[in-house]
Amino acid sequence: MRHRIVHLMLIVALTAGCHAQQDTRDKKEAPAEAPAVAEGTPATVTSVTVGAMEETVEVNAVSAFQLKTYIKANTNGYLQTVNARLGSYVEKGQELFVLKTKESQTLGNTIRILDSTLHFTGNMHIKSPGSGYITQLNYQAGDYVQDNEQLAVITDTRSFVFLLDLPYELKPYLAANKNLKLRLPDGTVLDGYVANAMPTVDAVSQTQSYVIKVNTNKSIPENLIAKVSLVKSAKGNITSLPKAAVLTDEVQSHFWIMKMIDSVTAVKVPVQKGMENADRVEIIAPRLSPADKVLLTGNYGLPDTAKVSIVK
C-alpha cells in the first residue's frame, strides 16, 4: 500500500513539472508586444513667403445722390393724371402730373356753354426739370393738392457719389490713395477717386466726409455701404506668414510660431512682427527662409516642443 502511494506521488510530480516546462516554452515562444507609439497632434503646415506686401486699413463709404430735385404743385387743384412711378427713370421735360383747378373747371364749363366748338381744359402740365430716378412720390390721381406742395422727388443720376467718413487720424494716408477701389456687398469692385472734402468734422465721431466719384454705368441704390481699403504703407521683398501661423499671448505682447525641425517635431520660436494686413504678417526676426515649414493649424496650446502629425 505504501509503495502505491509513493508511486502516485511521483506521477503527480512528473505531470506538474511537464506543465511548468510547457508554460515556460509558451512564454518564450510568444512574440513580444511592440511598445506603444505616442501619436502627435494633427496639424497642417505652411511655407514662408518673400515678396511685396501692403498694410491697409478698411473704412466704409456710403452711396448718395448729392443733387435732388423737388417737384411741387404750382397751384391748388386736383391731380387729373399721374405719370410718375416710384423708382422709375424719367427724362428732363417728361410730363409727370396733370393738375386741374376748380376755377379752370368752372371756366371751362362756362366757355363750353357759350361756344361748344371751343375746347378749353384749363389743365396744368407739370414736367420733370431734370433726368433721374423718382425716389419719392407723395400723391396719386384724384388727390387734392395745394400750391407749392411737394409732389415727388427726383435724384439726379449725374450727382451720384460715395461719401467716405474718414477718422481724422487717418487723413495723412489719404494723400497716397487718390485712386481707390470700392468693394460692394455683391463683390463688384468700382474704381473711384477723391473729388473733394467736406469742410466740417463730425463733433462726436471726429470723422471728415470725402466725396468719392466712381466710373460706372451700373445702377446703384442710395445708402449702399462699400468697403474702401486705404494703403498705410508698402514694402517689397519682405518675409511674411499667414496670420493663423503667428500666435500671441492674452495681452498680445509676445508673439511666436511653431516651426518644424523634423518631420514630426515642432518647436516654439519667438518672433518679432512688423506690418500686417487682413491676411498676412511680416516677420522681422528671426530670419526665415522659404524652405522653413511652420504650423498653420493645430498650433494652438502646444508645449515649447511638441510631437505633431502632419495632415496633408
C-alpha atoms as a PDB file:
ATOM      1  CA  MET A   1       0.000   0.000   0.000  1.00  0.00           C
ATOM      2  CA  ARG A   2       2.795   2.322   0.886  1.00  0.00           C
ATOM      3  CA  HIS A   3       4.515   1.629  -2.455  1.00  0.00           C
ATOM      4  CA  ARG A   4       1.318   2.584  -4.318  1.00  0.00           C
ATOM      5  CA  ILE A   5       1.110   5.940  -2.543  1.00  0.00           C
ATOM      6  CA  VAL A   6       4.742   6.730  -3.362  1.00  0.00           C
ATOM      7  CA  HIS A   7       4.190   5.746  -6.977  1.00  0.00           C
ATOM      8  CA  LEU A   8       1.115   8.006  -7.235  1.00  0.00           C
ATOM      9  CA  MET A   9       3.023  10.973  -5.793  1.00  0.00           C
ATOM     10  CA  LEU A  10       5.798  10.516  -8.363  1.00  0.00           C
ATOM     11  CA  ILE A  11       3.260  10.549 -11.205  1.00  0.00           C
ATOM     12  CA  VAL A  12       1.666  13.815  -9.931  1.00  0.00           C
ATOM     13  CA  ALA A  13       5.077  15.469  -9.563  1.00  0.00           C
ATOM     14  CA  LEU A  14       6.152  14.485 -13.078  1.00  0.00           C
ATOM     15  CA  THR A  15       2.878  15.781 -14.554  1.00  0.00           C
ATOM     16  CA  ALA A  16       3.192  19.143 -12.780  1.00  0.00           C
ATOM     17  CA  GLY A  17       6.780  19.504 -13.999  1.00  0.00           C
ATOM     18  CA  CYS A  18       5.745  18.877 -17.606  1.00  0.00           C
ATOM     19  CA  HIS A  19       3.063  21.575 -17.413  1.00  0.00           C
ATOM     20  CA  ALA A  20       5.515  24.068 -15.912  1.00  0.00           C
ATOM     21  CA  GLN A  21       8.057  23.401 -18.675  1.00  0.00           C
ATOM     22  CA  GLN A  22       5.335  23.802 -21.339  1.00  0.00           C
ATOM     23  CA  ASP A  23       4.239  27.159 -19.846  1.00  0.00           C
ATOM     24  CA  THR A  24       7.844  28.347 -19.876  1.00  0.00           C
ATOM     25  CA  ARG A  25       8.246  27.355 -23.538  1.00  0.00           C
ATOM     26  CA  ASP A  26       4.948  29.102 -24.437  1.00  0.00           C
ATOM     27  CA  LYS A  27       6.088  32.313 -22.770  1.00  0.00           C
ATOM     28  CA  LYS A  28       9.428  32.203 -24.579  1.00  0.00           C
ATOM     29  CA  GLU A  29       7.811  31.490 -27.943  1.00  0.00           C
ATOM     30  CA  ALA A  30       5.120  34.204 -27.574  1.00  0.00           C
ATOM     31  CA  PRO A  31       6.091  37.309 -29.609  1.00  0.00           C
ATOM     32  CA  ALA A  32       6.925  40.390 -27.580  1.00  0.00           C
ATOM     33  CA  GLU A  33       4.334  43.186 -27.761  1.00  0.00           C
ATOM     34  CA  ALA A  34       5.504  46.311 -29.648  1.00  0.00           C
ATOM     35  CA  PRO A  35       5.941  49.362 -27.419  1.00  0.00           C
ATOM     36  CA  ALA A  36       3.142  51.948 -27.736  1.00  0.00           C
ATOM     37  CA  VAL A  37       3.994  54.838 -30.024  1.00  0.00           C
ATOM     38  CA  ALA A  38       2.689  58.225 -28.934  1.00  0.00           C
ATOM     39  CA  GLU A  39       0.629  59.894 -31.680  1.00  0.00           C
ATOM     40  CA  GLY A  40       1.301  63.551 -32.457  1.00  0.00           C
ATOM     41  CA  THR A  41      -1.205  66.408 -32.592  1.00  0.00           C
ATOM     42  CA  PRO A  42      -2.834  66.659 -36.051  1.00  0.00           C
ATOM     43  CA  ALA A  43      -1.638  69.824 -37.774  1.00  0.00           C
ATOM     44  CA  THR A  44      -1.106  71.471 -41.146  1.00  0.00           C
ATOM     45  CA  VAL A  45       1.930  73.439 -42.256  1.00  0.00           C
ATOM     46  CA  THR A  46       2.571  76.494 -44.387  1.00  0.00           C
ATOM     47  CA  SER A  47       5.632  77.980 -46.043  1.00  0.00           C
ATOM     48  CA  VAL A  48       7.288  81.348 -45.674  1.00  0.00           C
ATOM     49  CA  THR A  49       6.601  83.865 -48.439  1.00  0.00           C
ATOM     50  CA  VAL A  50       9.074  86.500 -49.606  1.00  0.00           C
ATOM     51  CA  GLY A  51       7.670  89.368 -51.672  1.00  0.00           C
ATOM     52  CA  ALA A  52       5.838  92.688 -51.685  1.00  0.00           C
ATOM     53  CA  MET A  53       3.254  93.460 -49.026  1.00  0.00           C
ATOM     54  CA  GLU A  54       0.891  96.307 -48.193  1.00  0.00           C
ATOM     55  CA  GLU A  55      -0.525  97.307 -44.835  1.00  0.00           C
ATOM     56  CA  THR A  56      -4.074  98.550 -45.263  1.00  0.00           C
ATOM     57  CA  VAL A  57      -6.948  99.877 -43.207  1.00  0.00           C
ATOM     58  CA  GLU A  58     -10.577  99.326 -44.228  1.00  0.00           C
ATOM     59  CA  VAL A  59     -13.179 102.082 -43.968  1.00  0.00           C
ATOM     60  CA  ASN A  60     -16.786 102.466 -45.114  1.00  0.00           C
ATOM     61  CA  ALA A  61     -18.236 104.673 -47.837  1.00  0.00           C
ATOM     62  CA  VAL A  62     -21.983 105.198 -48.367  1.00  0.00           C
ATOM     63  CA  SER A  63     -23.618 105.836 -51.743  1.00  0.00           C
ATOM     64  CA  ALA A  64     -25.572 109.068 -52.110  1.00  0.00           C
ATOM     65  CA  PHE A  65     -27.124 111.439 -54.626  1.00  0.00           C
ATOM     66  CA  GLN A  66     -25.863 114.927 -53.929  1.00  0.00           C
ATOM     67  CA  LEU A  67     -28.465 116.670 -56.077  1.00  0.00           C
ATOM     68  CA  LYS A  68     -32.191 116.074 -55.644  1.00  0.00           C
ATOM     69  CA  THR A  69     -34.996 117.867 -57.452  1.00  0.00           C
ATOM     70  CA  TYR A  70     -38.261 118.530 -55.653  1.00  0.00           C
ATOM     71  CA  ILE A  71     -41.342 118.721 -57.885  1.00  0.00           C
ATOM     72  CA  LYS A  72     -44.075 120.920 -56.439  1.00  0.00           C
ATOM     73  CA  ALA A  73     -47.612 121.907 -57.362  1.00  0.00           C
ATOM     74  CA  ASN A  74     -47.878 125.358 -58.980  1.00  0.00           C
ATOM     75  CA  THR A  75     -51.462 125.941 -57.850  1.00  0.00           C
ATOM     76  CA  ASN A  76     -54.313 124.452 -55.843  1.00  0.00           C
ATOM     77  CA  GLY A  77     -56.242 121.716 -57.587  1.00  0.00           C
ATOM     78  CA  TYR A  78     -56.893 118.067 -58.296  1.00  0.00           C
ATOM     79  CA  LEU A  79     -54.425 115.702 -59.906  1.00  0.00           C
ATOM     80  CA  GLN A  80     -56.066 114.542 -63.113  1.00  0.00           C
ATOM     81  CA  THR A  81     -53.179 112.339 -64.239  1.00  0.00           C
ATOM     82  CA  VAL A  82     -50.086 110.943 -62.522  1.00  0.00           C
ATOM     83  CA  ASN A  83     -47.481 109.565 -64.953  1.00  0.00           C
ATOM     84  CA  ALA A  84     -44.778 109.232 -62.322  1.00  0.00           C
ATOM     85  CA  ARG A  85     -43.916 105.809 -60.908  1.00  0.00           C
ATOM     86  CA  LEU A  86     -41.819 105.276 -57.811  1.00  0.00           C
ATOM     87  CA  GLY A  87     -38.360 104.037 -58.765  1.00  0.00           C
ATOM     88  CA  SER A  88     -38.800 104.767 -62.473  1.00  0.00           C
ATOM     89  CA  TYR A  89     -36.310 106.758 -64.534  1.00  0.00           C
ATOM     90  CA  VAL A  90     -37.563 109.986 -66.105  1.00  0.00           C
ATOM     91  CA  GLU A  91     -36.034 112.323 -68.659  1.00  0.00           C
ATOM     92  CA  LYS A  92     -35.871 116.081 -68.462  1.00  0.00           C
ATOM     93  CA  GLY A  93     -39.079 117.612 -69.855  1.00  0.00           C
ATOM     94  CA  GLN A  94     -41.139 114.426 -69.402  1.00  0.00           C
ATOM     95  CA  GLU A  95     -44.708 115.104 -68.247  1.00  0.00           C
ATOM     96  CA  LEU A  96     -45.290 113.748 -64.760  1.00  0.00           C
ATOM     97  CA  PHE A  97     -48.511 115.354 -63.462  1.00  0.00           C
ATOM     98  CA  VAL A  98     -51.637 116.970 -64.884  1.00  0.00           C
ATOM     99  CA  LEU A  99     -53.312 119.356 -62.430  1.00  0.00           C
ATOM    100  CA  LYS A 100     -56.733 120.933 -62.766  1.00  0.00           C
ATOM    101  CA  THR A 101     -58.063 123.745 -60.576  1.00  0.00           C
ATOM    102  CA  LYS A 102     -61.637 124.323 -59.533  1.00  0.00           C
ATOM    103  CA  GLU A 103     -61.548 127.715 -61.216  1.00  0.00           C
ATOM    104  CA  SER A 104     -60.364 126.318 -64.542  1.00  0.00           C
ATOM    105  CA  GLN A 105     -63.047 123.634 -64.438  1.00  0.00           C
ATOM    106  CA  THR A 106     -65.749 126.249 -63.791  1.00  0.00           C
ATOM    107  CA  LEU A 107     -64.336 128.494 -66.525  1.00  0.00           C
ATOM    108  CA  GLY A 108     -64.195 125.598 -68.977  1.00  0.00           C
ATOM    109  CA  ASN A 109     -67.843 124.722 -68.343  1.00  0.00           C
ATOM    110  CA  THR A 110     -68.850 128.343 -68.936  1.00  0.00           C
ATOM    111  CA  ILE A 111     -66.898 128.535 -72.203  1.00  0.00           C
ATOM    112  CA  ARG A 112     -68.444 125.308 -73.498  1.00  0.00           C
ATOM    113  CA  ILE A 113     -71.906 126.698 -72.774  1.00  0.00           C
ATOM    114  CA  LEU A 114     -71.117 129.845 -74.750  1.00  0.00           C
ATOM    115  CA  ASP A 115     -69.360 128.047 -77.632  1.00  0.00           C
ATOM    116  CA  SER A 116     -69.288 124.262 -77.878  1.00  0.00           C
ATOM    117  CA  THR A 117     -66.566 124.390 -80.540  1.00  0.00           C
ATOM    118  CA  LEU A 118     -64.034 125.685 -78.041  1.00  0.00           C
ATOM    119  CA  HIS A 119     -62.152 123.000 -76.103  1.00  0.00           C
ATOM    120  CA  PHE A 120     -60.789 124.685 -73.021  1.00  0.00           C
ATOM    121  CA  THR A 121     -59.408 122.302 -70.408  1.00  0.00           C
ATOM    122  CA  GLY A 122     -57.551 124.590 -68.052  1.00  0.00           C
ATOM    123  CA  ASN A 123     -55.146 121.755 -67.164  1.00  0.00           C
ATOM    124  CA  MET A 124     -51.707 122.471 -65.699  1.00  0.00           C
ATOM    125  CA  HIS A 125     -48.972 120.196 -67.091  1.00  0.00           C
ATOM    126  CA  ILE A 126     -46.101 119.659 -64.666  1.00  0.00           C
ATOM    127  CA  LYS A 127     -42.907 118.352 -66.298  1.00  0.00           C
ATOM    128  CA  SER A 128     -39.666 116.980 -64.920  1.00  0.00           C
ATOM    129  CA  PRO A 129     -36.984 119.660 -64.569  1.00  0.00           C
ATOM    130  CA  GLY A 130     -34.194 117.087 -64.877  1.00  0.00           C
ATOM    131  CA  SER A 131     -33.287 113.458 -65.510  1.00  0.00           C
ATOM    132  CA  GLY A 132     -33.094 110.892 -62.745  1.00  0.00           C
ATOM    133  CA  TYR A 133     -34.956 108.361 -60.656  1.00  0.00           C
ATOM    134  CA  ILE A 134     -38.159 109.079 -58.769  1.00  0.00           C
ATOM    135  CA  THR A 135     -37.302 108.235 -55.188  1.00  0.00           C
ATOM    136  CA  GLN A 136     -40.358 109.732 -53.518  1.00  0.00           C
ATOM    137  CA  LEU A 137     -43.972 110.001 -54.702  1.00  0.00           C
ATOM    138  CA  ASN A 138     -46.494 111.573 -52.370  1.00  0.00           C
ATOM    139  CA  TYR A 139     -49.815 111.630 -54.272  1.00  0.00           C
ATOM    140  CA  GLN A 140     -51.924 109.706 -56.742  1.00  0.00           C
ATOM    141  CA  ALA A 141     -54.541 110.618 -59.321  1.00  0.00           C
ATOM    142  CA  GLY A 142     -57.642 112.259 -57.839  1.00  0.00           C
ATOM    143  CA  ASP A 143     -55.860 113.735 -54.817  1.00  0.00           C
ATOM    144  CA  TYR A 144     -56.278 117.398 -53.976  1.00  0.00           C
ATOM    145  CA  VAL A 145     -53.039 119.333 -53.558  1.00  0.00           C
ATOM    146  CA  GLN A 146     -52.227 122.842 -52.500  1.00  0.00           C
ATOM    147  CA  ASP A 147     -49.978 125.381 -54.146  1.00  0.00           C
ATOM    148  CA  ASN A 148     -46.237 124.708 -53.606  1.00  0.00           C
ATOM    149  CA  GLU A 149     -46.918 121.291 -52.078  1.00  0.00           C
ATOM    150  CA  GLN A 150     -44.258 118.659 -52.792  1.00  0.00           C
ATOM    151  CA  LEU A 151     -45.439 116.014 -55.265  1.00  0.00           C
ATOM    152  CA  ALA A 152     -42.293 113.962 -55.892  1.00  0.00           C
ATOM    153  CA  VAL A 153     -38.512 113.852 -55.521  1.00  0.00           C
ATOM    154  CA  ILE A 154     -36.110 113.081 -58.384  1.00  0.00           C
ATOM    155  CA  THR A 155     -32.477 112.170 -57.777  1.00  0.00           C
ATOM    156  CA  ASP A 156     -30.020 113.449 -60.368  1.00  0.00           C
ATOM    157  CA  THR A 157     -28.002 110.452 -61.583  1.00  0.00           C
ATOM    158  CA  ARG A 158     -25.121 112.725 -62.549  1.00  0.00           C
ATOM    159  CA  SER A 159     -24.673 113.632 -58.892  1.00  0.00           C
ATOM    160  CA  PHE A 160     -24.128 110.038 -57.730  1.00  0.00           C
ATOM    161  CA  VAL A 161     -21.134 109.677 -55.379  1.00  0.00           C
ATOM    162  CA  PHE A 162     -19.882 107.742 -52.386  1.00  0.00           C
ATOM    163  CA  LEU A 163     -19.346 109.601 -49.123  1.00  0.00           C
ATOM    164  CA  LEU A 164     -16.326 108.366 -47.185  1.00  0.00           C
ATOM    165  CA  ASP A 165     -16.412 109.123 -43.446  1.00  0.00           C
ATOM    166  CA  LEU A 166     -12.725 109.076 -42.575  1.00  0.00           C
ATOM    167  CA  PRO A 167     -11.425 109.218 -38.984  1.00  0.00           C
ATOM    168  CA  TYR A 168      -9.318 112.343 -38.801  1.00  0.00           C
ATOM    169  CA  GLU A 169      -6.228 110.460 -37.605  1.00  0.00           C
ATOM    170  CA  LEU A 170      -6.203 108.553 -40.928  1.00  0.00           C
ATOM    171  CA  LYS A 171      -6.167 111.730 -43.019  1.00  0.00           C
ATOM    172  CA  PRO A 172      -2.373 111.584 -43.694  1.00  0.00           C
ATOM    173  CA  TYR A 173      -2.831 108.285 -45.559  1.00  0.00           C
ATOM    174  CA  LEU A 174      -5.340 109.745 -47.995  1.00  0.00           C
ATOM    175  CA  ALA A 175      -2.670 111.676 -49.909  1.00  0.00           C
ATOM    176  CA  ALA A 176      -1.266 108.414 -51.304  1.00  0.00           C
ATOM    177  CA  ASN A 177      -4.731 106.990 -52.043  1.00  0.00           C
ATOM    178  CA  LYS A 178      -6.214 109.403 -54.558  1.00  0.00           C
ATOM    179  CA  ASN A 179      -7.344 106.457 -56.688  1.00  0.00           C
ATOM    180  CA  LEU A 180      -9.410 103.986 -54.698  1.00  0.00           C
ATOM    181  CA  LYS A 181     -11.050 100.589 -55.047  1.00  0.00           C
ATOM    182  CA  LEU A 182     -14.579 100.318 -53.669  1.00  0.00           C
ATOM    183  CA  ARG A 183     -15.917  96.813 -52.977  1.00  0.00           C
ATOM    184  CA  LEU A 184     -19.698  96.429 -52.948  1.00  0.00           C
ATOM    185  CA  PRO A 185     -21.544  93.759 -50.913  1.00  0.00           C
ATOM    186  CA  ASP A 186     -22.182  91.704 -54.079  1.00  0.00           C
ATOM    187  CA  GLY A 187     -18.457  91.546 -54.833  1.00  0.00           C
ATOM    188  CA  THR A 188     -18.421  94.249 -57.500  1.00  0.00           C
ATOM    189  CA  VAL A 189     -15.289  96.410 -57.425  1.00  0.00           C
ATOM    190  CA  LEU A 190     -15.524 100.020 -58.615  1.00  0.00           C
ATOM    191  CA  ASP A 191     -12.723 102.422 -59.477  1.00  0.00           C
ATOM    192  CA  GLY A 192     -13.056 105.778 -57.777  1.00  0.00           C
ATOM    193  CA  TYR A 193     -11.148 108.900 -56.904  1.00  0.00           C
ATOM    194  CA  VAL A 194     -11.338 111.534 -54.188  1.00  0.00           C
ATOM    195  CA  ALA A 195     -13.089 114.585 -55.637  1.00  0.00           C
ATOM    196  CA  ASN A 196     -13.226 116.889 -52.637  1.00  0.00           C
ATOM    197  CA  ALA A 197     -13.587 117.035 -48.871  1.00  0.00           C
ATOM    198  CA  MET A 198     -16.368 118.437 -46.735  1.00  0.00           C
ATOM    199  CA  PRO A 199     -15.222 121.454 -44.700  1.00  0.00           C
ATOM    200  CA  THR A 200     -16.517 120.129 -41.363  1.00  0.00           C
ATOM    201  CA  VAL A 201     -15.739 117.309 -38.938  1.00  0.00           C
ATOM    202  CA  ASP A 202     -18.428 115.413 -37.044  1.00  0.00           C
ATOM    203  CA  ALA A 203     -18.316 116.581 -33.434  1.00  0.00           C
ATOM    204  CA  VAL A 204     -18.989 113.131 -31.945  1.00  0.00           C
ATOM    205  CA  SER A 205     -17.172 110.654 -34.194  1.00  0.00           C
ATOM    206  CA  GLN A 206     -14.414 113.076 -35.285  1.00  0.00           C
ATOM    207  CA  THR A 207     -14.723 111.918 -38.889  1.00  0.00           C
ATOM    208  CA  GLN A 208     -14.471 114.034 -42.009  1.00  0.00           C
ATOM    209  CA  SER A 209     -16.540 113.263 -45.119  1.00  0.00           C
ATOM    210  CA  TYR A 210     -14.854 112.934 -48.503  1.00  0.00           C
ATOM    211  CA  VAL A 211     -16.663 112.804 -51.836  1.00  0.00           C
ATOM    212  CA  ILE A 212     -15.618 109.841 -53.984  1.00  0.00           C
ATOM    213  CA  LYS A 213     -16.713 109.762 -57.600  1.00  0.00           C
ATOM    214  CA  VAL A 214     -16.884 106.407 -59.372  1.00  0.00           C
ATOM    215  CA  ASN A 215     -16.706 105.439 -63.024  1.00  0.00           C
ATOM    216  CA  THR A 216     -19.680 103.161 -63.606  1.00  0.00           C
ATOM    217  CA  ASN A 217     -22.892 102.929 -65.585  1.00  0.00           C
ATOM    218  CA  LYS A 218     -24.331 100.435 -63.129  1.00  0.00           C
ATOM    219  CA  SER A 219     -27.492 101.432 -61.286  1.00  0.00           C
ATOM    220  CA  ILE A 220     -26.521 101.580 -57.613  1.00  0.00           C
ATOM    221  CA  PRO A 221     -29.084 102.369 -54.901  1.00  0.00           C
ATOM    222  CA  GLU A 222     -28.621 105.115 -52.362  1.00  0.00           C
ATOM    223  CA  ASN A 223     -27.308 104.302 -48.852  1.00  0.00           C
ATOM    224  CA  LEU A 224     -25.356 101.235 -50.028  1.00  0.00           C
ATOM    225  CA  ILE A 225     -22.227 100.632 -47.930  1.00  0.00           C
ATOM    226  CA  ALA A 226     -18.990  99.922 -49.808  1.00  0.00           C
ATOM    227  CA  LYS A 227     -15.656  98.858 -48.331  1.00  0.00           C
ATOM    228  CA  VAL A 228     -12.622 101.012 -49.125  1.00  0.00           C
ATOM    229  CA  SER A 229      -9.070  99.846 -48.413  1.00  0.00           C
ATOM    230  CA  LEU A 230      -6.511 102.581 -47.745  1.00  0.00           C
ATOM    231  CA  VAL A 231      -2.839 101.677 -48.084  1.00  0.00           C
ATOM    232  CA  LYS A 232      -0.968 102.797 -44.951  1.00  0.00           C
ATOM    233  CA  SER A 233       2.449 101.519 -46.024  1.00  0.00           C
ATOM    234  CA  ALA A 234       4.007  99.235 -48.617  1.00  0.00           C
ATOM    235  CA  LYS A 235       7.256  97.240 -48.696  1.00  0.00           C
ATOM    236  CA  GLY A 236       8.977  94.946 -51.142  1.00  0.00           C
ATOM    237  CA  ASN A 237      10.961  91.746 -50.604  1.00  0.00           C
ATOM    238  CA  ILE A 238       9.752  91.068 -47.067  1.00  0.00           C
ATOM    239  CA  THR A 239       9.244  87.779 -45.223  1.00  0.00           C
ATOM    240  CA  SER A 240       5.663  87.039 -44.210  1.00  0.00           C
ATOM    241  CA  LEU A 241       3.412  84.293 -42.874  1.00  0.00           C
ATOM    242  CA  PRO A 242      -0.363  83.796 -42.781  1.00  0.00           C
ATOM    243  CA  LYS A 243      -1.950  85.376 -39.719  1.00  0.00           C
ATOM    244  CA  ALA A 244      -3.083  81.997 -38.375  1.00  0.00           C
ATOM    245  CA  ALA A 245       0.543  80.842 -38.130  1.00  0.00           C
ATOM    246  CA  VAL A 246       1.514  83.618 -35.686  1.00  0.00           C
ATOM    247  CA  LEU A 247       0.427  83.052 -32.073  1.00  0.00           C
ATOM    248  CA  THR A 248       0.272  85.539 -29.205  1.00  0.00           C
ATOM    249  CA  ASP A 249      -0.491  85.776 -25.503  1.00  0.00           C
ATOM    250  CA  GLU A 250      -3.620  87.264 -23.945  1.00  0.00           C
ATOM    251  CA  VAL A 251      -2.251  90.812 -23.869  1.00  0.00           C
ATOM    252  CA  GLN A 252      -0.623  90.486 -27.308  1.00  0.00           C
ATOM    253  CA  SER A 253       2.801  91.449 -26.016  1.00  0.00           C
ATOM    254  CA  HIS A 254       4.673  88.315 -27.134  1.00  0.00           C
ATOM    255  CA  PHE A 255       4.443  86.539 -30.479  1.00  0.00           C
ATOM    256  CA  TRP A 256       5.742  83.167 -31.637  1.00  0.00           C
ATOM    257  CA  ILE A 257       5.428  80.455 -34.253  1.00  0.00           C
ATOM    258  CA  MET A 258       5.674  76.652 -34.114  1.00  0.00           C
ATOM    259  CA  LYS A 259       8.459  75.747 -36.538  1.00  0.00           C
ATOM    260  CA  MET A 260       9.109  72.211 -37.759  1.00  0.00           C
ATOM    261  CA  ILE A 261      12.636  70.906 -37.050  1.00  0.00           C
ATOM    262  CA  ASP A 262      11.967  67.451 -38.486  1.00  0.00           C
ATOM    263  CA  SER A 263       9.034  65.510 -39.892  1.00  0.00           C
ATOM    264  CA  VAL A 264       7.265  65.066 -36.535  1.00  0.00           C
ATOM    265  CA  THR A 265       8.625  67.739 -34.178  1.00  0.00           C
ATOM    266  CA  ALA A 266       7.676  71.405 -33.882  1.00  0.00           C
ATOM    267  CA  VAL A 267       9.385  73.891 -31.578  1.00  0.00           C
ATOM    268  CA  LYS A 268       8.310  77.287 -30.288  1.00  0.00           C
ATOM    269  CA  VAL A 269      10.198  80.180 -31.924  1.00  0.00           C
ATOM    270  CA  PRO A 270       9.611  83.747 -30.632  1.00  0.00           C
ATOM    271  CA  VAL A 271       9.237  86.250 -33.476  1.00  0.00           C
ATOM    272  CA  GLN A 272       9.198  89.994 -33.967  1.00  0.00           C
ATOM    273  CA  LYS A 273       6.408  91.015 -36.298  1.00  0.00           C
ATOM    274  CA  GLY A 274       6.183  94.101 -38.480  1.00  0.00           C
ATOM    275  CA  MET A 275       3.411  95.328 -40.743  1.00  0.00           C
ATOM    276  CA  GLU A 276       0.290  93.261 -41.299  1.00  0.00           C
ATOM    277  CA  ASN A 277      -2.819  93.256 -43.449  1.00  0.00           C
ATOM    278  CA  ALA A 278      -6.023  91.254 -43.446  1.00  0.00           C
ATOM    279  CA  ASP A 279      -4.253  88.000 -44.371  1.00  0.00           C
ATOM    280  CA  ARG A 280      -0.528  88.109 -43.602  1.00  0.00           C
ATOM    281  CA  VAL A 281       2.027  89.259 -41.019  1.00  0.00           C
ATOM    282  CA  GLU A 282       5.569  90.454 -41.689  1.00  0.00           C
ATOM    283  CA  ILE A 283       8.248  88.558 -39.742  1.00  0.00           C
ATOM    284  CA  ILE A 284      11.183  90.852 -38.966  1.00  0.00           C
ATOM    285  CA  ALA A 285      13.142  88.418 -36.759  1.00  0.00           C
ATOM    286  CA  PRO A 286      14.383  85.741 -36.731  1.00  0.00           C
ATOM    287  CA  ARG A 287      15.394  85.297 -40.343  1.00  0.00           C
ATOM    288  CA  LEU A 288      13.248  82.648 -42.023  1.00  0.00           C
ATOM    289  CA  SER A 289      13.680  81.008 -45.407  1.00  0.00           C
ATOM    290  CA  PRO A 290      11.092  79.782 -47.930  1.00  0.00           C
ATOM    291  CA  ALA A 291      12.193  76.227 -47.100  1.00  0.00           C
ATOM    292  CA  ASP A 292      11.023  76.530 -43.489  1.00  0.00           C
ATOM    293  CA  LYS A 293       7.782  74.832 -42.516  1.00  0.00           C
ATOM    294  CA  VAL A 294       5.552  76.452 -39.908  1.00  0.00           C
ATOM    295  CA  LEU A 295       2.376  75.074 -38.329  1.00  0.00           C
ATOM    296  CA  LEU A 296      -0.734  76.745 -39.707  1.00  0.00           C
ATOM    297  CA  THR A 297      -3.452  74.805 -37.867  1.00  0.00           C
ATOM    298  CA  GLY A 298      -3.213  72.626 -34.775  1.00  0.00           C
ATOM    299  CA  ASN A 299      -0.598  75.007 -33.352  1.00  0.00           C
ATOM    300  CA  TYR A 300      -2.670  76.463 -30.510  1.00  0.00           C
ATOM    301  CA  GLY A 301      -1.899  75.315 -26.957  1.00  0.00           C
ATOM    302  CA  LEU A 302       1.162  73.222 -27.822  1.00  0.00           C
ATOM    303  CA  PRO A 303       4.176  72.998 -25.481  1.00  0.00           C
ATOM    304  CA  ASP A 304       7.541  74.505 -26.442  1.00  0.00           C
ATOM    305  CA  THR A 305       8.463  71.213 -28.105  1.00  0.00           C
ATOM    306  CA  ALA A 306       5.626  69.133 -29.488  1.00  0.00           C
ATOM    307  CA  LYS A 307       5.091  65.981 -31.485  1.00  0.00           C
ATOM    308  CA  VAL A 308       2.761  66.577 -34.417  1.00  0.00           C
ATOM    309  CA  SER A 309       1.194  64.543 -37.166  1.00  0.00           C
ATOM    310  CA  ILE A 310       1.125  66.492 -40.412  1.00  0.00           C
ATOM    311  CA  VAL A 311      -2.181  66.278 -42.250  1.00  0.00           C
ATOM    312  CA  LYS A 312      -1.794  66.523 -45.983  1.00  0.00           C
END
